[in-house]
Amino acid sequence: MLATARQLGSPILTAFALGTLANAIANADPVRGRALLVEGVAYQRSLGTRYLDDGTLLVTAWTAAMVREHEIALRAAAQMLDRRLTGEVGLFAPMLETIAASIVATAPEEAAMVHGMVDTIAPW
């Protein structure tokens, strides 16, 4: 899919393919996953936020947290939260978990508070 997106010269498809591949390999090969993520985020930024949907932002944030790119994770989370997605618990709860994972090393008490919010809004 990535090769096809690059061949077509489509920044939207290339950004999507890079993010999808980064997410798929992040656990097995975090160095390669990080490189794909960073490249994908560069494509996303070149497109502007108009073409980024909430699912893409969630995958970006989640993958960034997995490969310890916390600035990218928090930026994607902020973009998603700026859209006032609070009614979509299925997307909102994982985004909060990503935020907590990204800040736990530097702000453990705040991370615990965010985890508590997730437990309250999505107790499953």
PDB file of N, CA and C in Angstrom:
ATOM      1  N   MET A   1       0.821  -1.186   0.000  1.00  0.00           N
ATOM      2  CA  MET A   1       0.000   0.000   0.000  1.00  0.00           C
ATOM      3  C   MET A   1       0.873   1.261   0.000  1.00  0.00           C
ATOM      4  N   LEU A   2       1.947   1.268   0.783  1.00  0.00           N
ATOM      5  CA  LEU A   2       2.809   2.443   0.835  1.00  0.00           C
ATOM      6  C   LEU A   2       3.460   2.697  -0.520  1.00  0.00           C
ATOM      7  N   ALA A   3       3.951   1.651  -1.152  1.00  0.00           N
ATOM      8  CA  ALA A   3       4.588   1.819  -2.460  1.00  0.00           C
ATOM      9  C   ALA A   3       3.600   2.373  -3.477  1.00  0.00           C
ATOM     10  N   THR A   4       2.373   1.883  -3.443  1.00  0.00           N
ATOM     11  CA  THR A   4       1.348   2.368  -4.364  1.00  0.00           C
ATOM     12  C   THR A   4       1.029   3.833  -4.090  1.00  0.00           C
ATOM     13  N   ALA A   5       0.902   4.201  -2.826  1.00  0.00           N
ATOM     14  CA  ALA A   5       0.605   5.597  -2.469  1.00  0.00           C
ATOM     15  C   ALA A   5       1.716   6.516  -2.949  1.00  0.00           C
ATOM     16  N   ARG A   6       2.954   6.081  -2.762  1.00  0.00           N
ATOM     17  CA  ARG A   6       4.088   6.897  -3.218  1.00  0.00           C
ATOM     18  C   ARG A   6       4.087   7.009  -4.746  1.00  0.00           C
ATOM     19  N   GLN A   7       3.806   5.888  -5.405  1.00  0.00           N
ATOM     20  CA  GLN A   7       3.789   5.881  -6.870  1.00  0.00           C
ATOM     21  C   GLN A   7       2.704   6.809  -7.417  1.00  0.00           C
ATOM     22  N   LEU A   8       1.557   6.846  -6.739  1.00  0.00           N
ATOM     23  CA  LEU A   8       0.471   7.719  -7.160  1.00  0.00           C
ATOM     24  C   LEU A   8       0.763   9.191  -6.859  1.00  0.00           C
ATOM     25  N   GLY A   9       1.704   9.427  -5.959  1.00  0.00           N
ATOM     26  CA  GLY A   9       2.042  10.800  -5.599  1.00  0.00           C
ATOM     27  C   GLY A   9       0.971  11.480  -4.761  1.00  0.00           C
ATOM     28  N   SER A  10       0.217  10.675  -4.016  1.00  0.00           N
ATOM     29  CA  SER A  10      -0.875  11.213  -3.199  1.00  0.00           C
ATOM     30  C   SER A  10      -0.406  11.426  -1.763  1.00  0.00           C
ATOM     31  N   PRO A  11      -0.288  12.680  -1.319  1.00  0.00           N
ATOM     32  CA  PRO A  11       0.140  12.918   0.065  1.00  0.00           C
ATOM     33  C   PRO A  11      -0.833  12.357   1.098  1.00  0.00           C
ATOM     34  N   ILE A  12      -2.131  12.408   0.803  1.00  0.00           N
ATOM     35  CA  ILE A  12      -3.115  11.889   1.754  1.00  0.00           C
ATOM     36  C   ILE A  12      -2.950  10.382   1.919  1.00  0.00           C
ATOM     37  N   LEU A  13      -2.874   9.660   0.804  1.00  0.00           N
ATOM     38  CA  LEU A  13      -2.700   8.205   0.874  1.00  0.00           C
ATOM     39  C   LEU A  13      -1.342   7.830   1.455  1.00  0.00           C
ATOM     40  N   THR A  14      -0.322   8.605   1.122  1.00  0.00           N
ATOM     41  CA  THR A  14       1.012   8.319   1.659  1.00  0.00           C
ATOM     42  C   THR A  14       1.038   8.507   3.167  1.00  0.00           C
ATOM     43  N   ALA A  15       0.452   9.574   3.653  1.00  0.00           N
ATOM     44  CA  ALA A  15       0.383   9.804   5.103  1.00  0.00           C
ATOM     45  C   ALA A  15      -0.372   8.676   5.792  1.00  0.00           C
ATOM     46  N   PHE A  16      -1.495   8.262   5.193  1.00  0.00           N
ATOM     47  CA  PHE A  16      -2.293   7.170   5.769  1.00  0.00           C
ATOM     48  C   PHE A  16      -1.496   5.873   5.784  1.00  0.00           C
ATOM     49  N   ALA A  17      -0.852   5.544   4.667  1.00  0.00           N
ATOM     50  CA  ALA A  17      -0.089   4.301   4.576  1.00  0.00           C
ATOM     51  C   ALA A  17       1.081   4.292   5.550  1.00  0.00           C
ATOM     52  N   LEU A  18       1.782   5.420   5.671  1.00  0.00           N
ATOM     53  CA  LEU A  18       2.895   5.504   6.620  1.00  0.00           C
ATOM     54  C   LEU A  18       2.413   5.302   8.053  1.00  0.00           C
ATOM     55  N   GLY A  19       1.303   5.952   8.401  1.00  0.00           N
ATOM     56  CA  GLY A  19       0.764   5.803   9.757  1.00  0.00           C
ATOM     57  C   GLY A  19       0.298   4.391  10.050  1.00  0.00           C
ATOM     58  N   THR A  20      -0.354   3.783   9.084  1.00  0.00           N
ATOM     59  CA  THR A  20      -0.839   2.412   9.257  1.00  0.00           C
ATOM     60  C   THR A  20       0.318   1.437   9.426  1.00  0.00           C
ATOM     61  N   LEU A  21       1.324   1.570   8.579  1.00  0.00           N
ATOM     62  CA  LEU A  21       2.490   0.698   8.671  1.00  0.00           C
ATOM     63  C   LEU A  21       3.259   0.944   9.966  1.00  0.00           C
ATOM     64  N   ALA A  22       3.415   2.194  10.355  1.00  0.00           N
ATOM     65  CA  ALA A  22       4.098   2.510  11.614  1.00  0.00           C
ATOM     66  C   ALA A  22       3.398   1.843  12.789  1.00  0.00           C
ATOM     67  N   ASN A  23       2.067   1.923  12.802  1.00  0.00           N
ATOM     68  CA  ASN A  23       1.300   1.307  13.883  1.00  0.00           C
ATOM     69  C   ASN A  23       1.451  -0.214  13.872  1.00  0.00           C
ATOM     70  N   ALA A  24       1.458  -0.799  12.689  1.00  0.00           N
ATOM     71  CA  ALA A  24       1.531  -2.253  12.573  1.00  0.00           C
ATOM     72  C   ALA A  24       2.861  -2.815  13.065  1.00  0.00           C
ATOM     73  N   ILE A  25       3.943  -2.072  12.885  1.00  0.00           N
ATOM     74  CA  ILE A  25       5.256  -2.616  13.250  1.00  0.00           C
ATOM     75  C   ILE A  25       5.854  -1.991  14.510  1.00  0.00           C
ATOM     76  N   ALA A  26       5.165  -1.061  15.127  1.00  0.00           N
ATOM     77  CA  ALA A  26       5.738  -0.308  16.256  1.00  0.00           C
ATOM     78  C   ALA A  26       6.241  -1.204  17.386  1.00  0.00           C
ATOM     79  N   ASN A  27       5.513  -2.239  17.715  1.00  0.00           N
ATOM     80  CA  ASN A  27       5.951  -3.118  18.807  1.00  0.00           C
ATOM     81  C   ASN A  27       7.128  -3.995  18.404  1.00  0.00           C
ATOM     82  N   ALA A  28       7.092  -4.523  17.184  1.00  0.00           N
ATOM     83  CA  ALA A  28       8.146  -5.431  16.737  1.00  0.00           C
ATOM     84  C   ALA A  28       9.430  -4.701  16.364  1.00  0.00           C
ATOM     85  N   ASP A  29       9.297  -3.515  15.783  1.00  0.00           N
ATOM     86  CA  ASP A  29      10.461  -2.751  15.326  1.00  0.00           C
ATOM     87  C   ASP A  29      10.231  -1.266  15.619  1.00  0.00           C
ATOM     88  N   PRO A  30      10.411  -0.867  16.885  1.00  0.00           N
ATOM     89  CA  PRO A  30      10.111   0.504  17.261  1.00  0.00           C
ATOM     90  C   PRO A  30      10.954   1.555  16.527  1.00  0.00           C
ATOM     91  N   VAL A  31      12.169   1.234  16.159  1.00  0.00           N
ATOM     92  CA  VAL A  31      13.004   2.205  15.448  1.00  0.00           C
ATOM     93  C   VAL A  31      12.411   2.473  14.063  1.00  0.00           C
ATOM     94  N   ARG A  32      12.070   1.438  13.347  1.00  0.00           N
ATOM     95  CA  ARG A  32      11.453   1.603  12.019  1.00  0.00           C
ATOM     96  C   ARG A  32      10.065   2.226  12.155  1.00  0.00           C
ATOM     97  N   GLY A  33       9.301   1.786  13.167  1.00  0.00           N
ATOM     98  CA  GLY A  33       7.983   2.368  13.405  1.00  0.00           C
ATOM     99  C   GLY A  33       8.061   3.858  13.660  1.00  0.00           C
ATOM    100  N   ARG A  34       9.042   4.277  14.448  1.00  0.00           N
ATOM    101  CA  ARG A  34       9.240   5.700  14.748  1.00  0.00           C
ATOM    102  C   ARG A  34       9.574   6.470  13.476  1.00  0.00           C
ATOM    103  N   ALA A  35      10.461   5.926  12.653  1.00  0.00           N
ATOM    104  CA  ALA A  35      10.848   6.605  11.414  1.00  0.00           C
ATOM    105  C   ALA A  35       9.645   6.770  10.484  1.00  0.00           C
ATOM    106  N   LEU A  36       8.839   5.720  10.353  1.00  0.00           N
ATOM    107  CA  LEU A  36       7.642   5.808   9.508  1.00  0.00           C
ATOM    108  C   LEU A  36       6.648   6.817  10.079  1.00  0.00           C
ATOM    109  N   LEU A  37       6.494   6.805  11.386  1.00  0.00           N
ATOM    110  CA  LEU A  37       5.584   7.742  12.039  1.00  0.00           C
ATOM    111  C   LEU A  37       6.012   9.184  11.788  1.00  0.00           C
ATOM    112  N   VAL A  38       7.287   9.469  11.998  1.00  0.00           N
ATOM    113  CA  VAL A  38       7.787  10.834  11.816  1.00  0.00           C
ATOM    114  C   VAL A  38       7.582  11.284  10.367  1.00  0.00           C
ATOM    115  N   GLU A  39       7.860  10.397   9.423  1.00  0.00           N
ATOM    116  CA  GLU A  39       7.639  10.737   8.013  1.00  0.00           C
ATOM    117  C   GLU A  39       6.153  10.974   7.742  1.00  0.00           C
ATOM    118  N   GLY A  40       5.304  10.112   8.308  1.00  0.00           N
ATOM    119  CA  GLY A  40       3.864  10.267   8.118  1.00  0.00           C
ATOM    120  C   GLY A  40       3.331  11.563   8.703  1.00  0.00           C
ATOM    121  N   VAL A  41       3.830  11.939   9.868  1.00  0.00           N
ATOM    122  CA  VAL A  41       3.406  13.182  10.505  1.00  0.00           C
ATOM    123  C   VAL A  41       3.842  14.381   9.661  1.00  0.00           C
ATOM    124  N   ALA A  42       5.002  14.292   9.035  1.00  0.00           N
ATOM    125  CA  ALA A  42       5.438  15.376   8.147  1.00  0.00           C
ATOM    126  C   ALA A  42       4.459  15.535   6.985  1.00  0.00           C
ATOM    127  N   TYR A  43       4.001  14.417   6.430  1.00  0.00           N
ATOM    128  CA  TYR A  43       2.983  14.488   5.377  1.00  0.00           C
ATOM    129  C   TYR A  43       1.691  15.086   5.924  1.00  0.00           C
ATOM    130  N   GLN A  44       1.279  14.650   7.125  1.00  0.00           N
ATOM    131  CA  GLN A  44       0.053  15.177   7.726  1.00  0.00           C
ATOM    132  C   GLN A  44       0.146  16.694   7.874  1.00  0.00           C
ATOM    133  N   ARG A  45       1.268  17.167   8.376  1.00  0.00           N
ATOM    134  CA  ARG A  45       1.439  18.614   8.578  1.00  0.00           C
ATOM    135  C   ARG A  45       1.389  19.370   7.252  1.00  0.00           C
ATOM    136  N   SER A  46       1.949  18.764   6.198  1.00  0.00           N
ATOM    137  CA  SER A  46       1.936  19.440   4.901  1.00  0.00           C
ATOM    138  C   SER A  46       0.522  19.541   4.340  1.00  0.00           C
ATOM    139  N   LEU A  47      -0.355  18.620   4.752  1.00  0.00           N
ATOM    140  CA  LEU A  47      -1.741  18.635   4.281  1.00  0.00           C
ATOM    141  C   LEU A  47      -2.607  19.610   5.063  1.00  0.00           C
ATOM    142  N   GLY A  48      -2.236  19.861   6.308  1.00  0.00           N
ATOM    143  CA  GLY A  48      -3.073  20.680   7.185  1.00  0.00           C
ATOM    144  C   GLY A  48      -4.117  19.812   7.869  1.00  0.00           C
ATOM    145  N   THR A  49      -4.724  20.338   8.893  1.00  0.00           N
ATOM    146  CA  THR A  49      -5.653  19.546   9.708  1.00  0.00           C
ATOM    147  C   THR A  49      -6.984  19.256   9.014  1.00  0.00           C
ATOM    148  N   ARG A  50      -7.269  19.969   7.961  1.00  0.00           N
ATOM    149  CA  ARG A  50      -8.545  19.768   7.260  1.00  0.00           C
ATOM    150  C   ARG A  50      -8.717  18.322   6.787  1.00  0.00           C
ATOM    151  N   TYR A  51      -7.635  17.673   6.413  1.00  0.00           N
ATOM    152  CA  TYR A  51      -7.717  16.334   5.833  1.00  0.00           C
ATOM    153  C   TYR A  51      -7.436  15.222   6.832  1.00  0.00           C
ATOM    154  N   LEU A  52      -7.314  15.567   8.104  1.00  0.00           N
ATOM    155  CA  LEU A  52      -7.067  14.551   9.123  1.00  0.00           C
ATOM    156  C   LEU A  52      -8.355  14.236   9.858  1.00  0.00           C
ATOM    157  N   ASP A  53      -8.740  12.977   9.841  1.00  0.00           N
ATOM    158  CA  ASP A  53      -9.935  12.594  10.586  1.00  0.00           C
ATOM    159  C   ASP A  53      -9.538  12.134  11.984  1.00  0.00           C
ATOM    160  N   ASP A  54     -10.539  11.936  12.824  1.00  0.00           N
ATOM    161  CA  ASP A  54     -10.265  11.583  14.218  1.00  0.00           C
ATOM    162  C   ASP A  54      -9.566  10.234  14.342  1.00  0.00           C
ATOM    163  N   GLY A  55      -9.927   9.287  13.492  1.00  0.00           N
ATOM    164  CA  GLY A  55      -9.271   7.981  13.524  1.00  0.00           C
ATOM    165  C   GLY A  55      -7.789   8.083  13.218  1.00  0.00           C
ATOM    166  N   THR A  56      -7.442   8.903  12.238  1.00  0.00           N
ATOM    167  CA  THR A  56      -6.035   9.105  11.890  1.00  0.00           C
ATOM    168  C   THR A  56      -5.284   9.738  13.045  1.00  0.00           C
ATOM    169  N   LEU A  57      -5.891  10.729  13.673  1.00  0.00           N
ATOM    170  CA  LEU A  57      -5.239  11.371  14.817  1.00  0.00           C
ATOM    171  C   LEU A  57      -5.068  10.397  15.982  1.00  0.00           C
ATOM    172  N   LEU A  58      -6.071   9.552  16.211  1.00  0.00           N
ATOM    173  CA  LEU A  58      -5.965   8.567  17.288  1.00  0.00           C
ATOM    174  C   LEU A  58      -4.841   7.580  17.009  1.00  0.00           C
ATOM    175  N   VAL A  59      -4.768   7.060  15.786  1.00  0.00           N
ATOM    176  CA  VAL A  59      -3.702   6.117  15.435  1.00  0.00           C
ATOM    177  C   VAL A  59      -2.339   6.796  15.537  1.00  0.00           C
ATOM    178  N   THR A  60      -2.262   8.040  15.103  1.00  0.00           N
ATOM    179  CA  THR A  60      -1.003   8.786  15.205  1.00  0.00           C
ATOM    180  C   THR A  60      -0.583   8.920  16.663  1.00  0.00           C
ATOM    181  N   ALA A  61      -1.507   9.329  17.509  1.00  0.00           N
ATOM    182  CA  ALA A  61      -1.190   9.502  18.927  1.00  0.00           C
ATOM    183  C   ALA A  61      -0.824   8.174  19.582  1.00  0.00           C
ATOM    184  N   TRP A  62      -1.585   7.159  19.295  1.00  0.00           N
ATOM    185  CA  TRP A  62      -1.363   5.840  19.899  1.00  0.00           C
ATOM    186  C   TRP A  62      -0.003   5.286  19.483  1.00  0.00           C
ATOM    187  N   THR A  63       0.296   5.374  18.181  1.00  0.00           N
ATOM    188  CA  THR A  63       1.577   4.882  17.672  1.00  0.00           C
ATOM    189  C   THR A  63       2.721   5.692  18.256  1.00  0.00           C
ATOM    190  N   ALA A  64       2.547   7.002  18.332  1.00  0.00           N
ATOM    191  CA  ALA A  64       3.586   7.855  18.902  1.00  0.00           C
ATOM    192  C   ALA A  64       3.870   7.480  20.349  1.00  0.00           C
ATOM    193  N   ALA A  65       2.840   7.196  21.103  1.00  0.00           N
ATOM    194  CA  ALA A  65       3.052   6.777  22.495  1.00  0.00           C
ATOM    195  C   ALA A  65       3.796   5.442  22.540  1.00  0.00           C
ATOM    196  N   MET A  66       3.479   4.543  21.614  1.00  0.00           N
ATOM    197  CA  MET A  66       4.138   3.229  21.586  1.00  0.00           C
ATOM    198  C   MET A  66       5.640   3.353  21.318  1.00  0.00           C
ATOM    199  N   VAL A  67       6.022   4.302  20.474  1.00  0.00           N
ATOM    200  CA  VAL A  67       7.444   4.448  20.119  1.00  0.00           C
ATOM    201  C   VAL A  67       8.116   5.591  20.878  1.00  0.00           C
ATOM    202  N   ARG A  68       7.434   6.072  21.889  1.00  0.00           N
ATOM    203  CA  ARG A  68       7.956   7.096  22.794  1.00  0.00           C
ATOM    204  C   ARG A  68       8.233   8.441  22.113  1.00  0.00           C
ATOM    205  N   GLU A  69       7.378   8.774  21.168  1.00  0.00           N
ATOM    206  CA  GLU A  69       7.427  10.102  20.537  1.00  0.00           C
ATOM    207  C   GLU A  69       6.312  10.930  21.179  1.00  0.00           C
ATOM    208  N   HIS A  70       6.539  11.315  22.430  1.00  0.00           N
ATOM    209  CA  HIS A  70       5.475  11.909  23.225  1.00  0.00           C
ATOM    210  C   HIS A  70       5.005  13.270  22.711  1.00  0.00           C
ATOM    211  N   GLU A  71       5.900  14.040  22.132  1.00  0.00           N
ATOM    212  CA  GLU A  71       5.473  15.329  21.589  1.00  0.00           C
ATOM    213  C   GLU A  71       4.465  15.129  20.451  1.00  0.00           C
ATOM    214  N   ILE A  72       4.737  14.158  19.590  1.00  0.00           N
ATOM    215  CA  ILE A  72       3.802  13.857  18.499  1.00  0.00           C
ATOM    216  C   ILE A  72       2.485  13.355  19.067  1.00  0.00           C
ATOM    217  N   ALA A  73       2.555  12.490  20.077  1.00  0.00           N
ATOM    218  CA  ALA A  73       1.337  11.947  20.687  1.00  0.00           C
ATOM    219  C   ALA A  73       0.487  13.070  21.269  1.00  0.00           C
ATOM    220  N   LEU A  74       1.110  13.960  22.006  1.00  0.00           N
ATOM    221  CA  LEU A  74       0.362  15.041  22.644  1.00  0.00           C
ATOM    222  C   LEU A  74      -0.184  16.039  21.616  1.00  0.00           C
ATOM    223  N   ARG A  75       0.573  16.292  20.548  1.00  0.00           N
ATOM    224  CA  ARG A  75       0.085  17.205  19.505  1.00  0.00           C
ATOM    225  C   ARG A  75      -1.141  16.610  18.802  1.00  0.00           C
ATOM    226  N   ALA A  76      -1.095  15.319  18.480  1.00  0.00           N
ATOM    227  CA  ALA A  76      -2.241  14.664  17.839  1.00  0.00           C
ATOM    228  C   ALA A  76      -3.440  14.645  18.782  1.00  0.00           C
ATOM    229  N   ALA A  77      -3.186  14.379  20.062  1.00  0.00           N
ATOM    230  CA  ALA A  77      -4.270  14.387  21.046  1.00  0.00           C
ATOM    231  C   ALA A  77      -4.896  15.767  21.151  1.00  0.00           C
ATOM    232  N   ALA A  78      -4.068  16.786  21.162  1.00  0.00           N
ATOM    233  CA  ALA A  78      -4.586  18.155  21.257  1.00  0.00           C
ATOM    234  C   ALA A  78      -5.443  18.498  20.050  1.00  0.00           C
ATOM    235  N   GLN A  79      -4.996  18.091  18.857  1.00  0.00           N
ATOM    236  CA  GLN A  79      -5.797  18.348  17.655  1.00  0.00           C
ATOM    237  C   GLN A  79      -7.149  17.658  17.752  1.00  0.00           C
ATOM    238  N   MET A  80      -7.137  16.430  18.233  1.00  0.00           N
ATOM    239  CA  MET A  80      -8.384  15.674  18.339  1.00  0.00           C
ATOM    240  C   MET A  80      -9.296  16.291  19.393  1.00  0.00           C
ATOM    241  N   LEU A  81      -8.737  16.657  20.528  1.00  0.00           N
ATOM    242  CA  LEU A  81      -9.551  17.242  21.594  1.00  0.00           C
ATOM    243  C   LEU A  81     -10.071  18.625  21.213  1.00  0.00           C
ATOM    244  N   ASP A  82      -9.309  19.355  20.396  1.00  0.00           N
ATOM    245  CA  ASP A  82      -9.782  20.655  19.918  1.00  0.00           C
ATOM    246  C   ASP A  82     -11.051  20.524  19.079  1.00  0.00           C
ATOM    247  N   ARG A  83     -11.288  19.347  18.553  1.00  0.00           N
ATOM    248  CA  ARG A  83     -12.492  19.108  17.742  1.00  0.00           C
ATOM    249  C   ARG A  83     -13.715  18.840  18.610  1.00  0.00           C
ATOM    250  N   ARG A  84     -13.515  18.869  19.914  1.00  0.00           N
ATOM    251  CA  ARG A  84     -14.611  18.671  20.865  1.00  0.00           C
ATOM    252  C   ARG A  84     -15.278  17.310  20.677  1.00  0.00           C
ATOM    253  N   LEU A  85     -14.453  16.283  20.718  1.00  0.00           N
ATOM    254  CA  LEU A  85     -14.909  14.923  20.472  1.00  0.00           C
ATOM    255  C   LEU A  85     -15.445  14.246  21.726  1.00  0.00           C
ATOM    256  N   THR A  86     -15.779  14.985  22.726  1.00  0.00           N
ATOM    257  CA  THR A  86     -16.119  14.403  24.021  1.00  0.00           C
ATOM    258  C   THR A  86     -17.281  13.426  23.975  1.00  0.00           C
ATOM    259  N   GLY A  87     -18.148  13.491  22.977  1.00  0.00           N
ATOM    260  CA  GLY A  87     -19.282  12.570  22.902  1.00  0.00           C
ATOM    261  C   GLY A  87     -18.924  11.185  22.409  1.00  0.00           C
ATOM    262  N   GLU A  88     -17.774  11.028  21.810  1.00  0.00           N
ATOM    263  CA  GLU A  88     -17.349   9.743  21.260  1.00  0.00           C
ATOM    264  C   GLU A  88     -16.433   9.029  22.254  1.00  0.00           C
ATOM    265  N   VAL A  89     -17.022   8.359  23.228  1.00  0.00           N
ATOM    266  CA  VAL A  89     -16.235   7.718  24.281  1.00  0.00           C
ATOM    267  C   VAL A  89     -15.293   6.672  23.697  1.00  0.00           C
ATOM    268  N   GLY A  90     -15.712   5.988  22.627  1.00  0.00           N
ATOM    269  CA  GLY A  90     -14.872   4.969  22.013  1.00  0.00           C
ATOM    270  C   GLY A  90     -13.573   5.510  21.456  1.00  0.00           C
ATOM    271  N   LEU A  91     -13.533   6.780  21.105  1.00  0.00           N
ATOM    272  CA  LEU A  91     -12.303   7.419  20.646  1.00  0.00           C
ATOM    273  C   LEU A  91     -11.676   8.275  21.741  1.00  0.00           C
ATOM    274  N   PHE A  92     -12.514   8.876  22.558  1.00  0.00           N
ATOM    275  CA  PHE A  92     -12.042   9.794  23.587  1.00  0.00           C
ATOM    276  C   PHE A  92     -11.241   9.064  24.669  1.00  0.00           C
ATOM    277  N   ALA A  93     -11.730   7.911  25.127  1.00  0.00           N
ATOM    278  CA  ALA A  93     -11.039   7.172  26.186  1.00  0.00           C
ATOM    279  C   ALA A  93      -9.637   6.729  25.757  1.00  0.00           C
ATOM    280  N   PRO A  94      -9.470   6.128  24.564  1.00  0.00           N
ATOM    281  CA  PRO A  94      -8.100   5.781  24.158  1.00  0.00           C
ATOM    282  C   PRO A  94      -7.193   6.997  24.010  1.00  0.00           C
ATOM    283  N   MET A  95      -7.770   8.124  23.591  1.00  0.00           N
ATOM    284  CA  MET A  95      -6.955   9.330  23.464  1.00  0.00           C
ATOM    285  C   MET A  95      -6.465   9.771  24.844  1.00  0.00           C
ATOM    286  N   LEU A  96      -7.330   9.717  25.842  1.00  0.00           N
ATOM    287  CA  LEU A  96      -6.903  10.074  27.202  1.00  0.00           C
ATOM    288  C   LEU A  96      -5.837   9.105  27.708  1.00  0.00           C
ATOM    289  N   GLU A  97      -5.982   7.828  27.407  1.00  0.00           N
ATOM    290  CA  GLU A  97      -4.970   6.839  27.805  1.00  0.00           C
ATOM    291  C   GLU A  97      -3.619   7.176  27.162  1.00  0.00           C
ATOM    292  N   THR A  98      -3.663   7.610  25.905  1.00  0.00           N
ATOM    293  CA  THR A  98      -2.438   7.989  25.208  1.00  0.00           C
ATOM    294  C   THR A  98      -1.792   9.200  25.870  1.00  0.00           C
ATOM    295  N   ILE A  99      -2.613  10.161  26.249  1.00  0.00           N
ATOM    296  CA  ILE A  99      -2.090  11.341  26.940  1.00  0.00           C
ATOM    297  C   ILE A  99      -1.428  10.925  28.253  1.00  0.00           C
ATOM    298  N   ALA A 100      -2.103  10.081  29.013  1.00  0.00           N
ATOM    299  CA  ALA A 100      -1.547   9.636  30.298  1.00  0.00           C
ATOM    300  C   ALA A 100      -0.219   8.911  30.101  1.00  0.00           C
ATOM    301  N   ALA A 101      -0.153   8.039  29.090  1.00  0.00           N
ATOM    302  CA  ALA A 101       1.090   7.318  28.829  1.00  0.00           C
ATOM    303  C   ALA A 101       2.211   8.268  28.431  1.00  0.00           C
ATOM    304  N   SER A 102       1.852   9.343  27.777  1.00  0.00           N
ATOM    305  CA  SER A 102       2.858  10.289  27.305  1.00  0.00           C
ATOM    306  C   SER A 102       3.399  11.199  28.403  1.00  0.00           C
ATOM    307  N   ILE A 103       2.622  11.408  29.446  1.00  0.00           N
ATOM    308  CA  ILE A 103       3.070  12.332  30.500  1.00  0.00           C
ATOM    309  C   ILE A 103       3.490  11.648  31.794  1.00  0.00           C
ATOM    310  N   VAL A 104       3.304  10.333  31.888  1.00  0.00           N
ATOM    311  CA  VAL A 104       3.527   9.659  33.165  1.00  0.00           C
ATOM    312  C   VAL A 104       4.959   9.834  33.690  1.00  0.00           C
ATOM    313  N   ALA A 105       5.953   9.854  32.821  1.00  0.00           N
ATOM    314  CA  ALA A 105       7.339   9.959  33.280  1.00  0.00           C
ATOM    315  C   ALA A 105       7.639  11.319  33.911  1.00  0.00           C
ATOM    316  N   THR A 106       7.009  12.363  33.393  1.00  0.00           N
ATOM    317  CA  THR A 106       7.299  13.705  33.896  1.00  0.00           C
ATOM    318  C   THR A 106       6.226  14.253  34.821  1.00  0.00           C
ATOM    319  N   ALA A 107       5.033  13.669  34.755  1.00  0.00           N
ATOM    320  CA  ALA A 107       3.924  14.162  35.579  1.00  0.00           C
ATOM    321  C   ALA A 107       3.060  12.989  36.031  1.00  0.00           C
ATOM    322  N   PRO A 108       3.583  12.151  36.921  1.00  0.00           N
ATOM    323  CA  PRO A 108       2.862  10.937  37.305  1.00  0.00           C
ATOM    324  C   PRO A 108       1.516  11.196  37.988  1.00  0.00           C
ATOM    325  N   GLU A 109       1.422  12.236  38.793  1.00  0.00           N
ATOM    326  CA  GLU A 109       0.147  12.520  39.464  1.00  0.00           C
ATOM    327  C   GLU A 109      -0.911  12.938  38.455  1.00  0.00           C
ATOM    328  N   GLU A 110      -0.521  13.762  37.499  1.00  0.00           N
ATOM    329  CA  GLU A 110      -1.465  14.188  36.468  1.00  0.00           C
ATOM    330  C   GLU A 110      -1.877  13.005  35.592  1.00  0.00           C
ATOM    331  N   ALA A 111      -0.914  12.127  35.298  1.00  0.00           N
ATOM    332  CA  ALA A 111      -1.233  10.929  34.510  1.00  0.00           C
ATOM    333  C   ALA A 111      -2.247  10.060  35.252  1.00  0.00           C
ATOM    334  N   ALA A 112      -2.075   9.931  36.558  1.00  0.00           N
ATOM    335  CA  ALA A 112      -3.028   9.154  37.361  1.00  0.00           C
ATOM    336  C   ALA A 112      -4.413   9.796  37.326  1.00  0.00           C
ATOM    337  N   MET A 113      -4.465  11.117  37.346  1.00  0.00           N
ATOM    338  CA  MET A 113      -5.764  11.802  37.262  1.00  0.00           C
ATOM    339  C   MET A 113      -6.434  11.535  35.914  1.00  0.00           C
ATOM    340  N   VAL A 114      -5.645  11.543  34.840  1.00  0.00           N
ATOM    341  CA  VAL A 114      -6.197  11.265  33.518  1.00  0.00           C
ATOM    342  C   VAL A 114      -6.712   9.826  33.460  1.00  0.00           C
ATOM    343  N   HIS A 115      -5.953   8.888  34.012  1.00  0.00           N
ATOM    344  CA  HIS A 115      -6.420   7.492  34.067  1.00  0.00           C
ATOM    345  C   HIS A 115      -7.721   7.394  34.849  1.00  0.00           C
ATOM    346  N   GLY A 116      -7.830   8.161  35.923  1.00  0.00           N
ATOM    347  CA  GLY A 116      -9.075   8.173  36.696  1.00  0.00           C
ATOM    348  C   GLY A 116     -10.248   8.688  35.876  1.00  0.00           C
ATOM    349  N   MET A 117     -10.002   9.688  35.034  1.00  0.00           N
ATOM    350  CA  MET A 117     -11.062  10.188  34.155  1.00  0.00           C
ATOM    351  C   MET A 117     -11.512   9.101  33.197  1.00  0.00           C
ATOM    352  N   VAL A 118     -10.566   8.341  32.670  1.00  0.00           N
ATOM    353  CA  VAL A 118     -10.906   7.255  31.750  1.00  0.00           C
ATOM    354  C   VAL A 118     -11.752   6.214  32.476  1.00  0.00           C
ATOM    355  N   ASP A 119     -11.358   5.859  33.687  1.00  0.00           N
ATOM    356  CA  ASP A 119     -12.143   4.885  34.466  1.00  0.00           C
ATOM    357  C   ASP A 119     -13.561   5.369  34.723  1.00  0.00           C
ATOM    358  N   THR A 120     -13.720   6.673  34.840  1.00  0.00           N
ATOM    359  CA  THR A 120     -15.050   7.235  35.087  1.00  0.00           C
ATOM    360  C   THR A 120     -15.915   7.241  33.831  1.00  0.00           C
ATOM    361  N   ILE A 121     -15.340   7.649  32.691  1.00  0.00           N
ATOM    362  CA  ILE A 121     -16.157   7.767  31.484  1.00  0.00           C
ATOM    363  C   ILE A 121     -16.286   6.461  30.710  1.00  0.00           C
ATOM    364  N   ALA A 122     -15.331   5.550  30.899  1.00  0.00           N
ATOM    365  CA  ALA A 122     -15.361   4.290  30.168  1.00  0.00           C
ATOM    366  C   ALA A 122     -14.941   3.156  31.099  1.00  0.00           C
ATOM    367  N   PRO A 123     -15.829   2.745  32.004  1.00  0.00           N
ATOM    368  CA  PRO A 123     -15.433   1.766  33.032  1.00  0.00           C
ATOM    369  C   PRO A 123     -15.286   0.331  32.544  1.00  0.00           C
ATOM    370  N   TRP A 124     -15.422   0.092  31.241  1.00  0.00           N
ATOM    371  CA  TRP A 124     -15.313  -1.281  30.764  1.00  0.00           C
ATOM    372  C   TRP A 124     -13.926  -1.734  30.791  1.00  0.00           C
TER     373      TRP A 124
END
